[in-house]
Structure formats: C-alpha cells, structure tokens
Amino acid sequence: MADANRKSLLFVTKDEDLKEKVTEDLEGNNHRVVLASNDSEARLKVVGEKFQFVIVDLDMPDFKSESFIQNIRHKEKLKGETDFLPIIIFGESEESFEDICSEFEKVSFLSKPLDYTELKTKLAVLGGSSAVKENSRPIIKGTILIEEGTASNEMYWVMTGSFVTTIKEGENEKVIGEVKQGELIGEMSFLDSKPRSASVTALEDSEVLVIPHKKFIHAMDGQPQWFQTLMRTLSARLRNSNDIISGKGEILDTIDELQKDLDKFKAES
C-alpha cells in the first residue's frame, strides 16, 4: 500500500554518479526513480509509464530538450489535459535554459551542481505538498516583502519570481542586489536577531515559502556549535558589508580595531 503513495519520476542524464546519488537520495523520500540515458530511451519511458515529474540534464549534447518537452506538451494537449507534467531542467547555464524552455508551462530550472535539498523542496512544491501549500505566500509585483529596520520573525525561500534588495541612502533607495528563484531572503536577521538590514521588493509576481523563526532555531540547535558560530560570523560580515555600502559602517583598518570587533562579537555570542 505504501508503494501506491510513491511518486514516480523520470531522471534523464548520462552521469552515472549522479544517477546513483539521486536514486539513493529520493528513493527513501517517497519517490520511485526511473532512469534514462538518452533521448530515445526517455521518450519510450514517457510513453510507457505515467510519471509525476521529469528531471532532465540540459548539458547532454545529443539530447534535444526543446523537442522532448514539446512532444510531451503536444500529447497532453491532444488529450485535453490542463494539469501539465512538471519538468525540471538542470544545467550549468540558466541562459541556455531560458533560450530553450521559456515558452513552455510548468518547466523550471535548477543549477549545477545539483543541490538535493533544493531539488526535494522543488518536488514538494510542484507536487502540491500540503505542508508547502500551507506555508507558501503569493507576493504581487511591487509589494515590499521586507522593510529595512523592522523586526524579524520570518525567513523566505523564493519558489518563483524575483526580488530587489535596497538600502536607504538619504531620501533615496540604493539597489544592492537581486534575489532570484531558489534563493533565501531575510537570513541575516534570523542568525543575529537584529533588525532587517535592507528592504526587499518583488520585481514580478512571485511566490515564497515562509520559514518561521522557531523552525529555523530548532534546526540550528541541532547543528554543532562551530557551525552555529560560522553562520553568525558570516551574518555579521555580510551585515557590515551592507553598512559600508550605505555609509553606516566602519572599515576596520588596524589590528586593534579588528581585535575590539572580535571581542565585541564574542561578548554578544
């Protein structure tokens, strides 16, 4: 009965090590992994079996990704299906993905090297996991998700869309970065419990996975002390970099100043 609840996915790549790793990682995560190494093998398996997901390596020189996806969508439309098969393309270049796949619905990208936590999260999102649905939030273009200087009680993982990060510079806003699909928002305040260091605004209609502070702290408590210290150190350095960009921070240029900063950090920890 347990097998009936497993979701079948077709994984297409020539990389034997990757096949082994993905199979090992996903088979125990309520998935059944079917493997293919080339275009004809993948097409035969799609025809012969009902899959919940297809994952394709974009960097196979003899694999025609665009034609493969086009064939799947054509057959779905002929059958009158509107709930299209989710297809994940992974590769070295997101630009190549956009050139090939931008016209297709329900096709998304993951960059190499493949992050297995990100892959499993994407599968949960595409598969309609109830836990993900309950914690996802649509963000309309132009909406301020995070405002600089406010308190922190949530972190976000960008499922779709993109955001711009800005800091106040007098009466104006200065752009310091962009956050894209698959990246985190608000992680620094989670690590050091300080007010938000920047504002984050949606560049387009987007959707984020909301990660409550309590869940993050619980996860961090399970990590070694050195890892927790590393995360706080990285957060402090990133926050100081943002302050330097905005003119609020100080550049430490002597050993004495650096030692004072280190002593202060240890006292706060």
Protein backbone atom coordinates (compact mmCIF):
# COMPACT_ATOMS: atom_id res chain seq x y z
CA MET A 1 0.00 0.00 0.00
CA ALA A 2 2.95 2.30 0.72
CA ASP A 3 4.12 1.94 -2.90
CA ALA A 4 0.80 3.37 -4.14
CA ASN A 5 1.66 6.67 -2.46
CA ARG A 6 5.12 6.93 -4.02
CA LYS A 7 5.55 9.44 -6.82
CA SER A 8 7.32 8.21 -9.94
CA LEU A 9 9.88 10.46 -11.59
CA LEU A 10 11.94 10.05 -14.72
CA PHE A 11 15.56 11.17 -14.29
CA VAL A 12 17.45 11.69 -17.56
CA THR A 13 21.26 12.05 -17.54
CA LYS A 14 24.41 10.28 -18.73
CA ASP A 15 26.18 10.96 -15.43
CA GLU A 16 26.27 7.58 -13.67
CA ASP A 17 27.39 9.04 -10.32
CA LEU A 18 24.51 11.50 -10.42
CA LYS A 19 22.04 8.73 -11.23
CA GLU A 20 23.23 6.77 -8.21
CA LYS A 21 23.13 9.77 -5.88
CA VAL A 22 19.67 10.97 -6.95
CA THR A 23 18.23 7.44 -6.74
CA GLU A 24 19.70 6.94 -3.28
CA ASP A 25 18.54 10.37 -2.09
CA LEU A 26 14.98 10.26 -3.46
CA GLU A 27 14.01 6.58 -3.21
CA GLY A 28 13.83 6.92 0.57
CA ASN A 29 11.87 10.15 0.25
CA ASN A 30 8.63 8.63 -1.06
CA HIS A 31 9.76 8.69 -4.70
CA ARG A 32 10.33 5.98 -7.29
CA VAL A 33 13.17 6.89 -9.65
CA VAL A 34 13.21 5.64 -13.25
CA LEU A 35 16.45 6.29 -15.16
CA ALA A 36 17.16 7.15 -18.80
CA SER A 37 20.46 7.97 -20.52
CA ASN A 38 19.42 9.34 -23.93
CA ASP A 39 16.65 10.94 -25.95
CA SER A 40 15.05 7.80 -27.38
CA GLU A 41 15.12 5.96 -24.05
CA ALA A 42 13.48 8.91 -22.29
CA ARG A 43 10.74 9.22 -24.95
CA LEU A 44 9.92 5.49 -24.73
CA LYS A 45 9.61 5.62 -20.96
CA VAL A 46 7.37 8.69 -21.02
CA VAL A 47 5.03 6.90 -23.45
CA GLY A 48 5.03 3.66 -21.47
CA GLU A 49 4.55 5.00 -17.93
CA LYS A 50 2.71 7.72 -16.02
CA PHE A 51 5.17 10.00 -14.22
CA GLN A 52 4.57 12.74 -11.67
CA PHE A 53 7.85 14.51 -12.53
CA VAL A 54 10.55 14.53 -15.21
CA ILE A 55 14.08 15.77 -14.46
CA VAL A 56 16.44 16.35 -17.40
CA ASP A 57 20.15 17.15 -17.62
CA LEU A 58 20.39 20.14 -20.01
CA ASP A 59 24.09 19.52 -20.72
CA MET A 60 23.73 16.30 -22.73
CA PRO A 61 24.96 17.24 -26.24
CA ASP A 62 22.83 14.68 -28.09
CA PHE A 63 19.65 15.28 -26.09
CA LYS A 64 17.11 17.59 -27.76
CA SER A 65 15.49 19.14 -24.68
CA GLU A 66 13.19 21.51 -26.55
CA SER A 67 11.85 18.77 -28.84
CA PHE A 68 11.45 16.38 -25.88
CA ILE A 69 9.37 18.87 -23.86
CA GLN A 70 7.42 19.96 -26.93
CA ASN A 71 6.46 16.34 -27.61
CA ILE A 72 5.20 15.85 -24.04
CA ARG A 73 3.12 19.05 -24.08
CA HIS A 74 1.70 18.26 -27.54
CA LYS A 75 0.42 14.88 -26.37
CA GLU A 76 -1.04 16.39 -23.20
CA LYS A 77 -2.95 19.00 -25.22
CA LEU A 78 -4.25 16.34 -27.62
CA LYS A 79 -5.68 14.50 -24.60
CA GLY A 80 -7.23 17.73 -23.31
CA GLU A 81 -5.09 17.72 -20.16
CA THR A 82 -4.61 21.02 -18.37
CA ASP A 83 -2.58 19.78 -15.38
CA PHE A 84 0.75 19.52 -17.19
CA LEU A 85 3.55 17.17 -16.14
CA PRO A 86 6.12 19.16 -14.09
CA ILE A 87 9.54 19.16 -15.79
CA ILE A 88 12.75 20.23 -14.04
CA ILE A 89 15.76 21.11 -16.20
CA PHE A 90 19.16 21.32 -14.52
CA GLY A 91 22.40 22.59 -16.04
CA GLU A 92 25.37 24.92 -15.96
CA SER A 93 23.68 27.87 -17.67
CA GLU A 94 20.31 29.39 -16.82
CA GLU A 95 20.58 31.45 -20.02
CA SER A 96 20.63 28.24 -22.07
CA PHE A 97 17.55 27.05 -20.19
CA GLU A 98 15.70 30.30 -20.91
CA ASP A 99 16.60 30.12 -24.61
CA ILE A 100 15.25 26.58 -24.88
CA CYS A 101 12.41 26.34 -22.37
CA SER A 102 10.96 29.80 -21.69
CA GLU A 103 7.90 29.16 -23.90
CA PHE A 104 6.77 26.07 -22.00
CA GLU A 105 4.48 25.99 -18.98
CA LYS A 106 5.40 24.20 -15.73
CA VAL A 107 9.08 23.87 -16.64
CA SER A 108 11.64 25.12 -14.10
CA PHE A 109 15.42 25.28 -13.71
CA LEU A 110 17.98 24.13 -11.14
CA SER A 111 21.66 24.97 -11.46
CA LYS A 112 24.59 22.58 -11.25
CA PRO A 113 25.96 21.19 -9.03
CA LEU A 114 22.56 19.83 -8.08
CA ASP A 115 21.50 20.82 -4.56
CA TYR A 116 19.48 17.85 -3.30
CA THR A 117 17.68 19.83 -0.57
CA GLU A 118 16.59 22.36 -3.19
CA LEU A 119 15.55 19.54 -5.53
CA LYS A 120 13.38 17.90 -2.87
CA THR A 121 11.81 21.26 -1.98
CA LYS A 122 11.02 21.92 -5.64
CA LEU A 123 9.49 18.45 -5.99
CA ALA A 124 7.34 19.16 -2.94
CA VAL A 125 6.23 22.50 -4.40
CA LEU A 126 5.47 21.08 -7.87
CA GLY A 127 3.80 18.03 -6.35
CA GLY A 128 1.46 20.11 -4.23
CA SER A 129 2.76 19.09 -0.80
CA SER A 130 0.20 20.22 1.79
CA ALA A 131 2.96 21.46 4.13
CA VAL A 132 4.39 23.64 1.34
CA LYS A 133 0.96 24.91 0.32
CA GLU A 134 0.15 25.93 3.89
CA ASN A 135 3.41 27.87 4.20
CA SER A 136 3.61 29.43 0.73
CA ARG A 137 2.68 33.04 0.10
CA PRO A 138 1.98 34.83 -3.20
CA ILE A 139 3.68 38.23 -3.50
CA ILE A 140 2.33 40.72 -6.05
CA LYS A 141 4.80 42.73 -8.16
CA GLY A 142 5.84 45.92 -6.32
CA THR A 143 4.97 44.57 -2.86
CA ILE A 144 7.54 45.21 -0.11
CA LEU A 145 8.20 41.80 1.47
CA ILE A 146 10.74 43.09 3.99
CA GLU A 147 11.25 46.65 5.20
CA GLU A 148 14.64 47.87 6.40
CA GLY A 149 14.86 48.39 10.16
CA THR A 150 11.87 46.23 11.11
CA ALA A 151 11.87 43.24 13.46
CA SER A 152 12.42 39.72 12.16
CA ASN A 153 10.17 36.69 12.65
CA GLU A 154 10.20 35.04 9.22
CA MET A 155 12.66 33.96 6.53
CA TYR A 156 11.66 33.22 2.93
CA TRP A 157 12.70 30.84 0.17
CA VAL A 158 11.86 32.12 -3.32
CA MET A 159 9.82 29.44 -5.13
CA THR A 160 9.02 31.59 -8.19
CA GLY A 161 9.76 35.14 -9.30
CA SER A 162 12.46 37.59 -8.20
CA PHE A 163 13.08 40.44 -5.75
CA VAL A 164 15.29 43.53 -5.49
CA THR A 165 17.20 44.39 -2.30
CA THR A 166 17.64 48.08 -1.40
CA ILE A 167 19.01 50.20 1.44
CA LYS A 168 18.11 53.76 2.38
CA GLU A 169 20.51 56.47 1.28
CA GLY A 170 19.10 59.76 2.49
CA GLU A 171 15.75 60.23 0.77
CA ASN A 172 16.59 57.68 -1.89
CA GLU A 173 16.81 53.89 -2.16
CA LYS A 174 20.08 52.28 -3.28
CA VAL A 175 19.94 48.89 -5.02
CA ILE A 176 22.43 46.39 -3.53
CA GLY A 177 21.29 43.15 -5.12
CA GLU A 178 18.69 40.86 -6.65
CA VAL A 179 17.21 37.69 -5.16
CA LYS A 180 16.12 35.01 -7.64
CA GLN A 181 14.23 31.73 -7.60
CA GLY A 182 15.81 29.18 -5.26
CA GLU A 183 17.49 31.81 -3.02
CA LEU A 184 16.79 32.87 0.57
CA ILE A 185 15.51 36.22 1.85
CA GLY A 186 15.94 37.52 5.39
CA GLU A 187 18.51 35.00 6.62
CA MET A 188 20.80 37.53 8.33
CA SER A 189 18.20 38.72 10.84
CA PHE A 190 17.40 35.09 11.64
CA LEU A 191 21.03 34.46 12.55
CA ASP A 192 21.74 37.55 14.64
CA SER A 193 18.19 38.60 15.74
CA LYS A 194 18.88 42.20 14.68
CA PRO A 195 16.50 44.43 12.66
CA ARG A 196 16.32 43.93 8.90
CA SER A 197 19.41 45.40 7.22
CA ALA A 198 17.65 46.10 3.89
CA SER A 199 14.27 46.29 2.17
CA VAL A 200 13.15 43.62 -0.29
CA THR A 201 10.57 44.31 -3.02
CA ALA A 202 9.03 41.96 -5.60
CA LEU A 203 10.22 42.68 -9.15
CA GLU A 204 7.40 40.50 -10.54
CA ASP A 205 4.50 38.41 -9.30
CA SER A 206 6.26 35.84 -7.11
CA GLU A 207 5.70 33.12 -4.52
CA VAL A 208 7.74 32.43 -1.41
CA LEU A 209 7.92 29.63 1.13
CA VAL A 210 7.62 31.11 4.62
CA ILE A 211 10.06 29.70 7.20
CA PRO A 212 9.08 30.68 10.78
CA HIS A 213 11.83 31.73 13.17
CA LYS A 214 11.02 28.92 15.63
CA LYS A 215 11.57 26.23 12.99
CA PHE A 216 14.89 27.79 11.99
CA ILE A 217 16.12 28.00 15.59
CA HIS A 218 15.08 24.39 16.17
CA ALA A 219 17.10 23.32 13.11
CA MET A 220 20.11 25.39 14.21
CA ASP A 221 20.01 23.88 17.72
CA GLY A 222 20.66 20.50 16.15
CA GLN A 223 23.89 21.72 14.50
CA PRO A 224 27.40 21.66 16.06
CA GLN A 225 28.50 24.77 17.93
CA TRP A 226 31.19 25.55 15.34
CA PHE A 227 28.54 25.59 12.60
CA GLN A 228 26.33 27.99 14.57
CA THR A 229 29.34 30.26 15.17
CA LEU A 230 30.23 30.13 11.47
CA MET A 231 26.70 31.18 10.49
CA ARG A 232 26.69 34.09 12.94
CA THR A 233 30.15 35.19 11.76
CA LEU A 234 29.08 35.19 8.12
CA SER A 235 25.94 37.12 9.04
CA ALA A 236 27.97 39.75 10.91
CA ARG A 237 30.34 40.20 7.97
CA LEU A 238 27.52 40.47 5.45
CA ARG A 239 25.68 42.98 7.62
CA ASN A 240 28.85 45.07 7.99
CA SER A 241 29.36 44.97 4.21
CA ASN A 242 25.84 46.33 3.70
CA ASP A 243 26.52 49.06 6.26
CA ILE A 244 29.75 50.03 4.48
CA ILE A 245 27.87 50.26 1.16
CA SER A 246 25.28 52.53 2.77
CA GLY A 247 27.93 54.60 4.58
CA LYS A 248 26.77 53.49 8.03
CA GLY A 249 29.56 51.02 8.76
CA GLU A 250 33.22 51.38 9.52
CA ILE A 251 36.07 49.74 7.61
CA LEU A 252 38.40 48.05 10.09
CA ASP A 253 41.91 49.03 9.01
CA THR A 254 44.03 48.30 12.09
CA ILE A 255 44.69 45.18 14.18
CA ASP A 256 43.44 46.98 17.33
CA GLU A 257 40.12 47.79 15.70
CA LEU A 258 39.77 44.22 14.47
CA GLN A 259 40.51 42.86 17.96
CA LYS A 260 37.89 45.16 19.51
CA ASP A 261 35.32 43.97 16.97
CA LEU A 262 36.18 40.32 17.72
CA ASP A 263 35.90 40.87 21.50
CA LYS A 264 32.52 42.54 20.99
CA PHE A 265 31.29 39.66 18.84
CA LYS A 266 32.38 37.08 21.46
CA ALA A 267 30.63 39.04 24.22
CA GLU A 268 27.39 39.20 22.21
CA SER A 269 27.61 35.46 21.44
